Amino acid sequence: MTDTDTAPTPDPDLVNALRALSNPMRLQMLRWLREPERHFPMDRAIADPAEVGVCVSHIQEKSGLAQSTVSAYLAELQRAGLVRATRVGKWTHYKRDERRIADLVTELGRAL
């Protein structure tokens, strides 16, 4: 028997989060969302970024990517549980899920 035969199966949520973070731009978006007041124009915000997050249009503008690409990247982060989406009118805002991120960091520490 080898070590891999007795090793526990990795947590699928952890694997999904690591997959989402493997893309440099998705990782950068998550970094920007850690300090929205530093990285996004607060004077153009239609909602409180601390409460509901940053509008996808501001993330798209900062990244320089197509809106469809930004939406796909943010959807991947959301599926991994790293961000939460909130609708404000016709706009979607994204905010980091700090508790989930902390739980994933703890799980990563246990897994490694």
N, C-alpha and C. Protein backbone atom coordinates (compact mmCIF):
# COMPACT_ATOMS: atom_id res chain seq x y z
N MET A 1 0.85 -1.18 0.00
CA MET A 1 0.00 0.00 0.00
C MET A 1 0.90 1.24 0.00
N THR A 2 0.50 2.26 -0.78
CA THR A 2 1.26 3.51 -0.86
C THR A 2 0.60 4.55 0.02
N ASP A 3 1.32 5.66 0.23
CA ASP A 3 0.78 6.75 1.04
C ASP A 3 -0.49 7.32 0.45
N THR A 4 -0.60 7.32 -0.88
CA THR A 4 -1.80 7.88 -1.50
C THR A 4 -3.02 7.01 -1.27
N ASP A 5 -2.83 5.72 -0.98
CA ASP A 5 -3.96 4.85 -0.72
C ASP A 5 -4.63 5.18 0.61
N THR A 6 -3.87 5.73 1.56
CA THR A 6 -4.43 6.04 2.87
C THR A 6 -4.72 7.53 3.06
N ALA A 7 -4.30 8.34 2.11
CA ALA A 7 -4.53 9.79 2.23
C ALA A 7 -6.01 10.10 2.04
N PRO A 8 -6.54 11.00 2.88
CA PRO A 8 -7.96 11.37 2.70
C PRO A 8 -8.15 12.12 1.39
N THR A 9 -9.33 11.99 0.84
CA THR A 9 -9.67 12.70 -0.38
C THR A 9 -9.75 14.19 -0.07
N PRO A 10 -9.15 15.04 -0.90
CA PRO A 10 -9.21 16.50 -0.65
C PRO A 10 -10.66 17.00 -0.66
N ASP A 11 -10.92 17.96 0.16
CA ASP A 11 -12.24 18.58 0.24
C ASP A 11 -12.56 19.21 -1.12
N PRO A 12 -13.68 18.82 -1.75
CA PRO A 12 -14.03 19.38 -3.08
C PRO A 12 -14.17 20.90 -3.07
N ASP A 13 -14.64 21.47 -1.95
CA ASP A 13 -14.76 22.93 -1.87
C ASP A 13 -13.39 23.59 -1.91
N LEU A 14 -12.42 22.99 -1.25
CA LEU A 14 -11.06 23.51 -1.27
C LEU A 14 -10.47 23.41 -2.67
N VAL A 15 -10.69 22.30 -3.32
CA VAL A 15 -10.18 22.11 -4.69
C VAL A 15 -10.80 23.15 -5.62
N ASN A 16 -12.11 23.40 -5.50
CA ASN A 16 -12.78 24.41 -6.34
C ASN A 16 -12.23 25.80 -6.08
N ALA A 17 -11.97 26.12 -4.82
CA ALA A 17 -11.42 27.43 -4.49
C ALA A 17 -10.02 27.59 -5.06
N LEU A 18 -9.20 26.57 -4.94
CA LEU A 18 -7.85 26.64 -5.49
C LEU A 18 -7.88 26.76 -7.01
N ARG A 19 -8.81 26.09 -7.63
CA ARG A 19 -8.96 26.19 -9.09
C ARG A 19 -9.34 27.63 -9.47
N ALA A 20 -10.26 28.22 -8.72
CA ALA A 20 -10.68 29.60 -9.01
C ALA A 20 -9.52 30.57 -8.83
N LEU A 21 -8.67 30.30 -7.84
CA LEU A 21 -7.55 31.19 -7.55
C LEU A 21 -6.35 30.96 -8.46
N SER A 22 -6.40 29.92 -9.27
CA SER A 22 -5.26 29.60 -10.13
C SER A 22 -5.12 30.56 -11.31
N ASN A 23 -6.17 31.34 -11.56
CA ASN A 23 -6.13 32.32 -12.64
C ASN A 23 -5.65 33.65 -12.06
N PRO A 24 -4.56 34.21 -12.61
CA PRO A 24 -4.01 35.45 -12.03
C PRO A 24 -5.00 36.62 -11.97
N MET A 25 -5.86 36.76 -12.95
CA MET A 25 -6.80 37.88 -12.94
C MET A 25 -7.90 37.66 -11.89
N ARG A 26 -8.37 36.44 -11.73
CA ARG A 26 -9.36 36.19 -10.67
C ARG A 26 -8.75 36.46 -9.31
N LEU A 27 -7.51 36.07 -9.12
CA LEU A 27 -6.81 36.36 -7.87
C LEU A 27 -6.67 37.87 -7.67
N GLN A 28 -6.35 38.59 -8.73
CA GLN A 28 -6.23 40.05 -8.63
C GLN A 28 -7.57 40.69 -8.28
N MET A 29 -8.64 40.22 -8.87
CA MET A 29 -9.96 40.76 -8.56
C MET A 29 -10.28 40.57 -7.08
N LEU A 30 -9.94 39.42 -6.56
CA LEU A 30 -10.17 39.16 -5.14
C LEU A 30 -9.34 40.09 -4.28
N ARG A 31 -8.13 40.39 -4.70
CA ARG A 31 -7.28 41.36 -3.98
C ARG A 31 -7.90 42.75 -4.02
N TRP A 32 -8.36 43.17 -5.19
CA TRP A 32 -9.00 44.49 -5.30
C TRP A 32 -10.20 44.59 -4.36
N LEU A 33 -10.98 43.53 -4.30
CA LEU A 33 -12.20 43.55 -3.48
C LEU A 33 -11.89 43.55 -1.99
N ARG A 34 -10.67 43.23 -1.60
CA ARG A 34 -10.30 43.28 -0.19
C ARG A 34 -10.32 44.73 0.30
N GLU A 35 -9.94 45.69 -0.57
CA GLU A 35 -9.93 47.10 -0.22
C GLU A 35 -10.63 47.90 -1.33
N PRO A 36 -11.94 47.80 -1.43
CA PRO A 36 -12.64 48.46 -2.54
C PRO A 36 -12.46 49.97 -2.57
N GLU A 37 -12.40 50.60 -1.40
CA GLU A 37 -12.26 52.06 -1.36
C GLU A 37 -10.91 52.51 -1.93
N ARG A 38 -9.94 51.64 -1.91
CA ARG A 38 -8.62 51.96 -2.44
C ARG A 38 -8.53 51.73 -3.96
N HIS A 39 -9.29 50.78 -4.45
CA HIS A 39 -9.12 50.35 -5.84
C HIS A 39 -10.23 50.77 -6.80
N PHE A 40 -11.33 51.27 -6.28
CA PHE A 40 -12.46 51.62 -7.15
C PHE A 40 -12.97 53.02 -6.84
N PRO A 41 -13.57 53.68 -7.84
CA PRO A 41 -14.06 55.06 -7.65
C PRO A 41 -15.30 55.09 -6.76
N MET A 42 -15.15 55.60 -5.56
CA MET A 42 -16.27 55.66 -4.62
C MET A 42 -17.29 56.72 -5.00
N ASP A 43 -16.85 57.74 -5.71
CA ASP A 43 -17.77 58.82 -6.09
C ASP A 43 -18.79 58.36 -7.13
N ARG A 44 -18.52 57.25 -7.81
CA ARG A 44 -19.45 56.74 -8.83
C ARG A 44 -20.23 55.52 -8.35
N ALA A 45 -20.01 55.12 -7.11
CA ALA A 45 -20.70 53.95 -6.57
C ALA A 45 -22.17 54.27 -6.33
N ILE A 46 -23.05 53.34 -6.70
CA ILE A 46 -24.48 53.54 -6.47
C ILE A 46 -24.93 52.86 -5.18
N ALA A 47 -24.02 52.12 -4.55
CA ALA A 47 -24.32 51.46 -3.27
C ALA A 47 -23.03 51.42 -2.45
N ASP A 48 -23.18 51.20 -1.17
CA ASP A 48 -22.05 51.15 -0.26
C ASP A 48 -21.22 49.89 -0.53
N PRO A 49 -19.97 50.05 -0.99
CA PRO A 49 -19.15 48.88 -1.28
C PRO A 49 -18.87 48.01 -0.05
N ALA A 50 -18.85 48.62 1.13
CA ALA A 50 -18.62 47.84 2.35
C ALA A 50 -19.82 46.94 2.65
N GLU A 51 -21.00 47.38 2.22
CA GLU A 51 -22.22 46.62 2.51
C GLU A 51 -22.56 45.63 1.39
N VAL A 52 -22.55 46.08 0.14
CA VAL A 52 -23.00 45.22 -0.96
C VAL A 52 -21.90 44.85 -1.94
N GLY A 53 -20.78 45.54 -1.89
CA GLY A 53 -19.69 45.21 -2.80
C GLY A 53 -19.52 46.23 -3.91
N VAL A 54 -18.75 45.82 -4.91
CA VAL A 54 -18.37 46.70 -6.02
C VAL A 54 -19.15 46.28 -7.27
N CYS A 55 -19.62 47.27 -7.99
CA CYS A 55 -20.37 47.03 -9.22
C CYS A 55 -19.47 46.34 -10.25
N VAL A 56 -20.03 45.37 -10.93
CA VAL A 56 -19.27 44.63 -11.94
C VAL A 56 -18.71 45.56 -13.02
N SER A 57 -19.41 46.65 -13.30
CA SER A 57 -18.92 47.58 -14.33
C SER A 57 -17.62 48.25 -13.90
N HIS A 58 -17.47 48.52 -12.60
CA HIS A 58 -16.23 49.11 -12.10
C HIS A 58 -15.09 48.09 -12.14
N ILE A 59 -15.40 46.85 -11.85
CA ILE A 59 -14.39 45.79 -11.93
C ILE A 59 -13.95 45.60 -13.38
N GLN A 60 -14.92 45.64 -14.27
CA GLN A 60 -14.62 45.49 -15.70
C GLN A 60 -13.74 46.64 -16.19
N GLU A 61 -14.07 47.84 -15.78
CA GLU A 61 -13.29 49.02 -16.18
C GLU A 61 -11.85 48.93 -15.69
N LYS A 62 -11.68 48.54 -14.44
CA LYS A 62 -10.34 48.45 -13.86
C LYS A 62 -9.52 47.33 -14.52
N SER A 63 -10.15 46.23 -14.81
CA SER A 63 -9.43 45.08 -15.38
C SER A 63 -9.08 45.27 -16.85
N GLY A 64 -9.90 46.05 -17.56
CA GLY A 64 -9.68 46.22 -19.00
C GLY A 64 -10.13 45.03 -19.82
N LEU A 65 -10.83 44.10 -19.20
CA LEU A 65 -11.31 42.91 -19.90
C LEU A 65 -12.73 43.12 -20.39
N ALA A 66 -13.16 42.28 -21.27
CA ALA A 66 -14.54 42.33 -21.76
C ALA A 66 -15.50 42.03 -20.61
N GLN A 67 -16.68 42.62 -20.66
CA GLN A 67 -17.67 42.42 -19.61
C GLN A 67 -18.00 40.94 -19.44
N SER A 68 -18.11 40.21 -20.53
CA SER A 68 -18.45 38.79 -20.44
C SER A 68 -17.36 38.00 -19.73
N THR A 69 -16.11 38.37 -19.96
CA THR A 69 -14.99 37.69 -19.29
C THR A 69 -15.00 37.99 -17.81
N VAL A 70 -15.21 39.25 -17.45
CA VAL A 70 -15.26 39.64 -16.03
C VAL A 70 -16.41 38.91 -15.34
N SER A 71 -17.56 38.86 -15.98
CA SER A 71 -18.71 38.16 -15.39
C SER A 71 -18.41 36.68 -15.19
N ALA A 72 -17.75 36.06 -16.16
CA ALA A 72 -17.40 34.64 -16.03
C ALA A 72 -16.40 34.44 -14.90
N TYR A 73 -15.42 35.32 -14.78
CA TYR A 73 -14.43 35.21 -13.70
C TYR A 73 -15.09 35.36 -12.34
N LEU A 74 -15.97 36.35 -12.21
CA LEU A 74 -16.64 36.58 -10.93
C LEU A 74 -17.60 35.43 -10.61
N ALA A 75 -18.22 34.86 -11.62
CA ALA A 75 -19.10 33.70 -11.39
C ALA A 75 -18.29 32.52 -10.88
N GLU A 76 -17.09 32.33 -11.39
CA GLU A 76 -16.21 31.26 -10.91
C GLU A 76 -15.82 31.50 -9.44
N LEU A 77 -15.50 32.73 -9.10
CA LEU A 77 -15.19 33.06 -7.70
C LEU A 77 -16.40 32.85 -6.80
N GLN A 78 -17.58 33.15 -7.33
CA GLN A 78 -18.80 32.96 -6.55
C GLN A 78 -19.09 31.47 -6.35
N ARG A 79 -18.95 30.67 -7.39
CA ARG A 79 -19.16 29.22 -7.25
C ARG A 79 -18.19 28.62 -6.23
N ALA A 80 -16.99 29.18 -6.15
CA ALA A 80 -16.00 28.70 -5.18
C ALA A 80 -16.27 29.24 -3.78
N GLY A 81 -17.26 30.12 -3.63
CA GLY A 81 -17.61 30.65 -2.33
C GLY A 81 -16.73 31.79 -1.86
N LEU A 82 -15.94 32.37 -2.75
CA LEU A 82 -15.01 33.42 -2.37
C LEU A 82 -15.63 34.81 -2.41
N VAL A 83 -16.68 34.99 -3.20
CA VAL A 83 -17.39 36.26 -3.27
C VAL A 83 -18.89 35.99 -3.23
N ARG A 84 -19.62 37.04 -2.86
CA ARG A 84 -21.08 37.00 -2.88
C ARG A 84 -21.57 38.07 -3.83
N ALA A 85 -22.63 37.78 -4.54
CA ALA A 85 -23.22 38.72 -5.49
C ALA A 85 -24.51 39.29 -4.91
N THR A 86 -24.71 40.60 -5.12
CA THR A 86 -25.93 41.28 -4.69
C THR A 86 -26.41 42.16 -5.84
N ARG A 87 -27.69 42.06 -6.16
CA ARG A 87 -28.26 42.91 -7.19
C ARG A 87 -28.71 44.23 -6.58
N VAL A 88 -28.33 45.33 -7.24
CA VAL A 88 -28.79 46.66 -6.87
C VAL A 88 -29.35 47.25 -8.16
N GLY A 89 -30.67 47.28 -8.26
CA GLY A 89 -31.29 47.67 -9.53
C GLY A 89 -30.91 46.67 -10.61
N LYS A 90 -30.39 47.17 -11.71
CA LYS A 90 -30.00 46.27 -12.79
C LYS A 90 -28.53 45.85 -12.72
N TRP A 91 -27.83 46.31 -11.69
CA TRP A 91 -26.40 46.05 -11.56
C TRP A 91 -26.11 44.98 -10.52
N THR A 92 -25.10 44.19 -10.79
CA THR A 92 -24.65 43.18 -9.83
C THR A 92 -23.38 43.68 -9.17
N HIS A 93 -23.35 43.58 -7.86
CA HIS A 93 -22.20 43.99 -7.05
C HIS A 93 -21.58 42.75 -6.42
N TYR A 94 -20.25 42.77 -6.29
CA TYR A 94 -19.54 41.62 -5.72
C TYR A 94 -18.74 42.06 -4.51
N LYS A 95 -18.77 41.18 -3.50
CA LYS A 95 -18.08 41.42 -2.25
C LYS A 95 -17.43 40.12 -1.81
N ARG A 96 -16.23 40.23 -1.25
CA ARG A 96 -15.54 39.05 -0.72
C ARG A 96 -16.35 38.43 0.42
N ASP A 97 -16.31 37.12 0.52
CA ASP A 97 -16.90 36.43 1.65
C ASP A 97 -15.75 36.11 2.60
N GLU A 98 -15.48 37.03 3.51
CA GLU A 98 -14.31 36.94 4.38
C GLU A 98 -14.34 35.69 5.27
N ARG A 99 -15.50 35.34 5.75
CA ARG A 99 -15.60 34.16 6.61
C ARG A 99 -15.25 32.90 5.82
N ARG A 100 -15.78 32.79 4.65
CA ARG A 100 -15.50 31.62 3.80
C ARG A 100 -14.02 31.57 3.42
N ILE A 101 -13.43 32.72 3.12
CA ILE A 101 -12.01 32.77 2.78
C ILE A 101 -11.18 32.30 3.98
N ALA A 102 -11.51 32.76 5.18
CA ALA A 102 -10.79 32.34 6.38
C ALA A 102 -10.93 30.83 6.61
N ASP A 103 -12.13 30.30 6.39
CA ASP A 103 -12.35 28.86 6.54
C ASP A 103 -11.51 28.07 5.53
N LEU A 104 -11.43 28.58 4.31
CA LEU A 104 -10.63 27.90 3.29
C LEU A 104 -9.14 27.93 3.61
N VAL A 105 -8.67 29.04 4.15
CA VAL A 105 -7.26 29.14 4.55
C VAL A 105 -6.97 28.10 5.65
N THR A 106 -7.88 27.98 6.60
CA THR A 106 -7.72 26.99 7.66
C THR A 106 -7.72 25.58 7.08
N GLU A 107 -8.65 25.30 6.19
CA GLU A 107 -8.73 23.98 5.56
C GLU A 107 -7.46 23.68 4.76
N LEU A 108 -6.94 24.67 4.06
CA LEU A 108 -5.70 24.48 3.30
C LEU A 108 -4.56 24.12 4.24
N GLY A 109 -4.49 24.79 5.37
CA GLY A 109 -3.46 24.48 6.35
C GLY A 109 -3.56 23.05 6.86
N ARG A 110 -4.77 22.58 7.06
CA ARG A 110 -4.96 21.18 7.50
C ARG A 110 -4.61 20.20 6.39
N ALA A 111 -4.96 20.56 5.16
CA ALA A 111 -4.75 19.65 4.03
C ALA A 111 -3.27 19.50 3.69
N LEU A 112 -2.50 20.55 3.93
CA LEU A 112 -1.08 20.49 3.59
C LEU A 112 -0.26 20.07 4.79
